Amino acid sequence: MAAKVFESMGKFGLALAVAGGVVNSALYNVDAGHRAVIFDRFRGVQEIVGGEGTHFLIPWVQKPIIFDCRSRPQNVPVITGSQDLQNVNITLRILFRPVASQLPRIYTSICDDCDERELLSITTEILKSVVARFDAGELITQRELVSRQVSDDLTERAATFGLILDDLSLTHLTFGKEFPEAVEAKHVAQQKAGRARFTVEKAEQQKKAAIISAEGDSKAAELIANSLATAGDGLIELWKLEPAKDIAYQLSRSWNITYLPAGQSLLLQLPQ
């Protein structure tokens, strides 16, 4: 009797174990931040995307493919050339994640773990394209504009692969050893151009001054001629007073002159 009881309990336990195994194989879990795509052996990849939690499936017929939909960082270093043919070492840091609704297409047309490789490829292409639009100086002074253009172009391109870019930033930007030499040469050329421009402007000003001086002399000569024509010798005699006064002043200050001589030396032969 006891043997029959133990035998029946054993069969019941075996049945429970089998049933438990079947039920367990018909369940799968999706962790937080993940999504699941179901592959059916008869119908292929299903369009329905499973969210977080526990879900049912048909054992052996269906298989879950789990995707990590959390934002992940990736650094993309690129060596490229600027518009003025300077070597540029640039690194782009990206936070990206797949679009949950497009996971079936991503798994079917790309692969379940190719997002990082695809992102690396398109980022390298976009960086080279954008950097080639700027010269070395603009890459430094207009870094925000460069970053924005990279973000716009890369966001549009990544969307075709079912990827979302949550953040993008340029973390590293340096130039080759030829860049400092080019900057120095440009600075020297600008200084030479400035000196040449100053020389030209100085010559122009001197030319204008000479013209103005000549015009002034011509006008003065014209006025003198007109004055002589109207006043006669009286104007000349008046002019003699100024040098005579100056000569008399200088002689009066000399220690060996006791009187001021009259005559031609003082230019005082003025008519009465």
Protein backbone atom coordinates (compact mmCIF):
# COMPACT_ATOMS: atom_id res chain seq x y z
CA MET A 1 0.00 0.00 0.00
CA ALA A 2 2.74 2.40 0.96
CA ALA A 3 4.61 1.48 -2.22
CA LYS A 4 1.63 2.43 -4.33
CA VAL A 5 1.32 5.74 -2.51
CA PHE A 6 4.99 6.53 -3.09
CA GLU A 7 4.68 5.48 -6.73
CA SER A 8 1.69 7.74 -7.30
CA MET A 9 3.45 10.63 -5.55
CA GLY A 10 6.49 10.10 -7.75
CA LYS A 11 4.41 10.19 -10.92
CA PHE A 12 2.66 13.32 -9.69
CA GLY A 13 5.96 14.98 -8.90
CA LEU A 14 7.31 14.03 -12.31
CA ALA A 15 4.20 15.47 -13.94
CA LEU A 16 4.62 18.68 -11.98
CA ALA A 17 8.28 18.90 -12.99
CA VAL A 18 7.42 18.37 -16.64
CA ALA A 19 4.61 20.91 -16.43
CA GLY A 20 6.91 23.35 -14.68
CA GLY A 21 9.56 22.91 -17.36
CA VAL A 22 7.01 23.50 -20.10
CA VAL A 23 5.65 26.60 -18.39
CA ASN A 24 9.18 27.90 -17.73
CA SER A 25 10.17 27.43 -21.34
CA ALA A 26 7.07 29.36 -22.39
CA LEU A 27 8.10 32.45 -20.39
CA TYR A 28 10.82 35.01 -20.90
CA ASN A 29 11.77 38.19 -19.04
CA VAL A 30 12.67 41.62 -20.40
CA ASP A 31 14.76 43.70 -18.01
CA ALA A 32 14.42 47.44 -17.44
CA GLY A 33 15.66 49.53 -20.33
CA HIS A 34 15.46 46.58 -22.75
CA ARG A 35 13.04 45.47 -25.47
CA ALA A 36 12.36 42.10 -27.08
CA VAL A 37 11.73 41.04 -30.66
CA ILE A 38 10.21 37.61 -31.31
CA PHE A 39 11.58 35.37 -34.03
CA ASP A 40 9.05 32.77 -35.20
CA ARG A 41 10.36 29.71 -37.05
CA PHE A 42 7.36 29.71 -39.37
CA ARG A 43 6.49 33.41 -39.73
CA GLY A 44 9.86 35.08 -39.27
CA VAL A 45 10.52 38.23 -37.21
CA GLN A 46 7.36 39.60 -35.61
CA GLU A 47 6.55 43.31 -35.79
CA ILE A 48 5.39 43.47 -32.17
CA VAL A 49 8.08 44.69 -29.77
CA GLY A 50 7.91 43.31 -26.23
CA GLY A 51 8.32 45.77 -23.36
CA GLU A 52 9.70 45.29 -19.86
CA GLY A 53 8.36 42.39 -17.77
CA THR A 54 7.49 38.70 -18.27
CA HIS A 55 5.98 37.46 -21.54
CA PHE A 56 4.75 34.22 -23.05
CA LEU A 57 6.01 32.48 -26.17
CA ILE A 58 5.57 29.17 -27.94
CA PRO A 59 8.46 26.89 -26.93
CA TRP A 60 10.77 25.78 -29.73
CA VAL A 61 8.70 27.71 -32.30
CA GLN A 62 9.50 31.19 -31.01
CA LYS A 63 12.69 32.76 -29.68
CA PRO A 64 13.13 36.18 -28.03
CA ILE A 65 15.92 38.55 -29.16
CA ILE A 66 16.67 41.06 -26.41
CA PHE A 67 17.88 44.60 -27.28
CA ASP A 68 19.44 47.11 -24.92
CA CYS A 69 17.56 50.39 -25.53
CA ARG A 70 19.41 52.48 -22.96
CA SER A 71 21.66 55.35 -24.04
CA ARG A 72 25.23 54.20 -24.57
CA PRO A 73 28.34 56.35 -25.02
CA GLN A 74 30.79 55.98 -27.87
CA ASN A 75 33.93 57.99 -28.68
CA VAL A 76 34.76 58.30 -32.37
CA PRO A 77 38.29 59.60 -33.16
CA VAL A 78 38.90 60.80 -36.71
CA ILE A 79 41.95 62.19 -38.53
CA THR A 80 40.90 64.35 -41.46
CA GLY A 81 41.75 67.55 -43.34
CA SER A 82 40.41 71.10 -43.10
CA GLN A 83 39.52 73.40 -45.98
CA ASP A 84 43.03 74.90 -45.93
CA LEU A 85 44.59 71.40 -46.00
CA GLN A 86 45.58 71.26 -42.31
CA ASN A 87 45.62 67.87 -40.57
CA VAL A 88 42.90 67.77 -37.89
CA ASN A 89 42.62 65.24 -35.05
CA ILE A 90 39.03 65.35 -33.82
CA THR A 91 37.09 63.17 -31.38
CA LEU A 92 33.31 63.07 -31.14
CA ARG A 93 31.49 61.71 -28.08
CA ILE A 94 28.00 60.37 -28.78
CA LEU A 95 25.19 59.10 -26.57
CA PHE A 96 22.93 56.91 -28.72
CA ARG A 97 20.17 54.31 -28.49
CA PRO A 98 18.03 52.37 -30.95
CA VAL A 99 14.46 53.35 -31.79
CA ALA A 100 12.33 50.73 -30.02
CA SER A 101 9.63 50.65 -32.69
CA GLN A 102 12.23 49.94 -35.41
CA LEU A 103 13.93 47.01 -33.68
CA PRO A 104 12.36 44.38 -35.99
CA ARG A 105 13.68 46.28 -39.06
CA ILE A 106 17.10 46.75 -37.44
CA TYR A 107 17.34 43.02 -36.67
CA THR A 108 16.13 42.05 -40.14
CA SER A 109 18.04 44.50 -42.35
CA ILE A 110 21.18 45.15 -40.26
CA CYS A 111 21.85 42.82 -37.33
CA ASP A 112 21.16 42.68 -33.64
CA ASP A 113 24.54 44.11 -32.56
CA CYS A 114 25.70 46.22 -35.52
CA ASP A 115 24.49 49.60 -34.27
CA GLU A 116 27.89 50.60 -32.86
CA ARG A 117 29.73 49.64 -36.03
CA GLU A 118 27.22 51.42 -38.25
CA LEU A 119 27.37 54.51 -36.05
CA LEU A 120 31.18 54.51 -36.23
CA SER A 121 31.06 54.36 -40.01
CA ILE A 122 28.56 57.18 -40.56
CA THR A 123 30.16 59.37 -37.86
CA THR A 124 33.55 59.14 -39.56
CA GLU A 125 31.98 60.10 -42.88
CA ILE A 126 30.02 63.05 -41.45
CA LEU A 127 33.01 64.41 -39.51
CA LYS A 128 35.23 64.39 -42.58
CA SER A 129 32.52 66.09 -44.62
CA VAL A 130 31.83 68.87 -42.09
CA VAL A 131 35.47 69.58 -41.16
CA ALA A 132 36.33 69.99 -44.85
CA ARG A 133 33.97 72.99 -44.99
CA PHE A 134 36.03 75.05 -42.51
CA ASP A 135 39.63 76.21 -42.38
CA ALA A 136 41.77 75.68 -39.28
CA GLY A 137 41.05 79.09 -37.79
CA GLU A 138 37.29 78.67 -38.18
CA LEU A 139 37.40 75.26 -36.51
CA ILE A 140 38.76 77.03 -33.41
CA THR A 141 36.72 80.23 -33.43
CA GLN A 142 33.46 78.67 -34.68
CA ARG A 143 33.54 75.42 -32.75
CA GLU A 144 29.88 75.71 -31.74
CA LEU A 145 28.83 76.06 -35.39
CA VAL A 146 30.95 73.04 -36.36
CA SER A 147 29.39 70.97 -33.56
CA ARG A 148 25.88 72.01 -34.60
CA GLN A 149 26.42 71.07 -38.24
CA VAL A 150 27.88 67.71 -37.24
CA SER A 151 24.88 67.12 -34.96
CA ASP A 152 22.33 68.03 -37.64
CA ASP A 153 23.94 65.91 -40.37
CA LEU A 154 24.64 62.94 -38.10
CA THR A 155 21.17 62.95 -36.52
CA GLU A 156 19.55 62.86 -39.95
CA ARG A 157 21.85 60.09 -41.15
CA ALA A 158 21.53 57.99 -37.96
CA ALA A 159 17.73 58.09 -38.21
CA THR A 160 17.93 56.03 -41.41
CA PHE A 161 19.56 53.26 -39.34
CA GLY A 162 16.96 53.47 -36.57
CA LEU A 163 19.26 55.23 -34.08
CA ILE A 164 18.54 58.20 -31.81
CA LEU A 165 21.35 60.56 -30.73
CA ASP A 166 20.67 61.86 -27.21
CA ASP A 167 23.84 63.94 -26.96
CA LEU A 168 26.80 64.88 -29.11
CA SER A 169 29.91 66.90 -28.27
CA LEU A 170 33.39 67.59 -29.65
CA THR A 171 35.76 66.52 -26.88
CA HIS A 172 39.09 66.76 -28.69
CA LEU A 173 40.35 69.03 -31.47
CA THR A 174 44.04 69.41 -32.34
CA PHE A 175 46.09 70.09 -35.45
CA GLY A 176 49.25 68.68 -36.98
CA LYS A 177 52.72 70.08 -36.35
CA GLU A 178 52.50 72.10 -39.58
CA PHE A 179 49.70 74.26 -38.16
CA PRO A 180 51.85 76.43 -35.81
CA GLU A 181 54.29 77.05 -38.66
CA ALA A 182 51.44 78.08 -40.94
CA VAL A 183 50.02 80.40 -38.27
CA GLU A 184 53.43 82.03 -37.79
CA ALA A 185 53.92 82.46 -41.53
CA LYS A 186 50.45 83.99 -41.84
CA HIS A 187 51.20 86.37 -38.97
CA VAL A 188 54.47 87.48 -40.59
CA ALA A 189 52.71 87.98 -43.93
CA GLN A 190 50.04 90.11 -42.24
CA GLN A 191 52.73 92.24 -40.58
CA LYS A 192 54.50 92.76 -43.91
CA ALA A 193 51.22 93.64 -45.57
CA GLY A 194 50.50 96.12 -42.76
CA ARG A 195 53.89 97.78 -43.16
CA ALA A 196 53.46 97.99 -46.92
CA ARG A 197 50.01 99.51 -46.48
CA PHE A 198 51.42 102.04 -44.00
CA THR A 199 54.18 102.98 -46.45
CA VAL A 200 51.65 103.54 -49.22
CA GLU A 201 49.40 105.61 -46.98
CA LYS A 202 52.40 107.66 -45.77
CA ALA A 203 53.45 108.36 -49.36
CA GLU A 204 49.89 109.43 -50.20
CA GLN A 205 49.80 111.80 -47.23
CA GLN A 206 53.21 113.25 -48.14
CA LYS A 207 51.98 113.76 -51.68
CA LYS A 208 48.87 115.55 -50.45
CA ALA A 209 50.99 117.70 -48.07
CA ALA A 210 53.35 118.67 -50.90
CA ILE A 211 50.40 119.64 -53.10
CA ILE A 212 48.85 121.71 -50.32
CA SER A 213 52.23 123.37 -49.58
CA ALA A 214 52.75 124.19 -53.25
CA GLU A 215 49.26 125.61 -53.51
CA GLY A 216 49.92 127.71 -50.39
CA ASP A 217 53.22 129.01 -51.78
CA SER A 218 51.52 129.83 -55.05
CA LYS A 219 48.74 131.69 -53.26
CA ALA A 220 51.26 133.56 -51.07
CA ALA A 221 53.29 134.60 -54.11
CA GLU A 222 50.11 135.80 -55.79
CA LEU A 223 49.16 137.86 -52.74
CA ILE A 224 52.65 139.37 -52.49
CA ALA A 225 52.62 140.28 -56.14
CA ASN A 226 49.25 141.95 -55.75
CA SER A 227 50.44 143.83 -52.65
CA LEU A 228 53.58 145.11 -54.41
CA ALA A 229 51.52 146.23 -57.32
CA THR A 230 49.29 148.35 -55.10
CA ALA A 231 51.63 149.47 -52.28
CA GLY A 232 54.89 149.90 -54.18
CA ASP A 233 58.23 150.06 -52.26
CA GLY A 234 56.54 150.91 -48.96
CA LEU A 235 55.70 147.27 -48.26
CA ILE A 236 59.34 146.23 -48.80
CA GLU A 237 60.59 148.92 -46.44
CA LEU A 238 58.09 147.73 -43.84
CA TRP A 239 59.42 144.20 -44.14
CA LYS A 240 62.95 145.47 -43.41
CA LEU A 241 61.89 146.52 -39.91
CA GLU A 242 61.51 142.94 -38.66
CA PRO A 243 65.08 141.72 -39.39
CA ALA A 244 66.45 145.07 -38.21
CA LYS A 245 64.71 144.67 -34.86
CA ASP A 246 66.06 141.13 -34.53
CA ILE A 247 69.65 142.19 -35.38
CA ALA A 248 69.49 145.10 -32.94
CA TYR A 249 68.23 142.77 -30.20
CA GLN A 250 71.05 140.27 -30.76
CA LEU A 251 73.74 143.01 -30.80
CA SER A 252 72.40 144.59 -27.62
CA ARG A 253 72.94 141.36 -25.74
CA SER A 254 76.58 140.99 -26.84
CA TRP A 255 79.20 141.98 -24.17
CA ASN A 256 81.62 143.64 -26.61
CA ILE A 257 79.06 145.97 -28.23
CA THR A 258 78.69 149.30 -26.47
CA TYR A 259 76.53 151.05 -29.01
CA LEU A 260 74.43 150.10 -31.96
CA PRO A 261 76.02 151.19 -35.20
CA ALA A 262 73.87 152.85 -37.77
CA GLY A 263 74.15 151.96 -41.36
CA GLN A 264 73.76 149.12 -43.72
CA SER A 265 74.47 146.41 -41.08
CA LEU A 266 71.15 147.08 -39.32
CA LEU A 267 69.21 147.50 -42.53
CA LEU A 268 68.01 150.85 -41.23
CA GLN A 269 68.69 152.83 -44.41
CA LEU A 270 65.03 153.68 -44.56
CA PRO A 271 63.80 156.68 -46.49
CA GLN A 272 62.62 159.63 -44.41
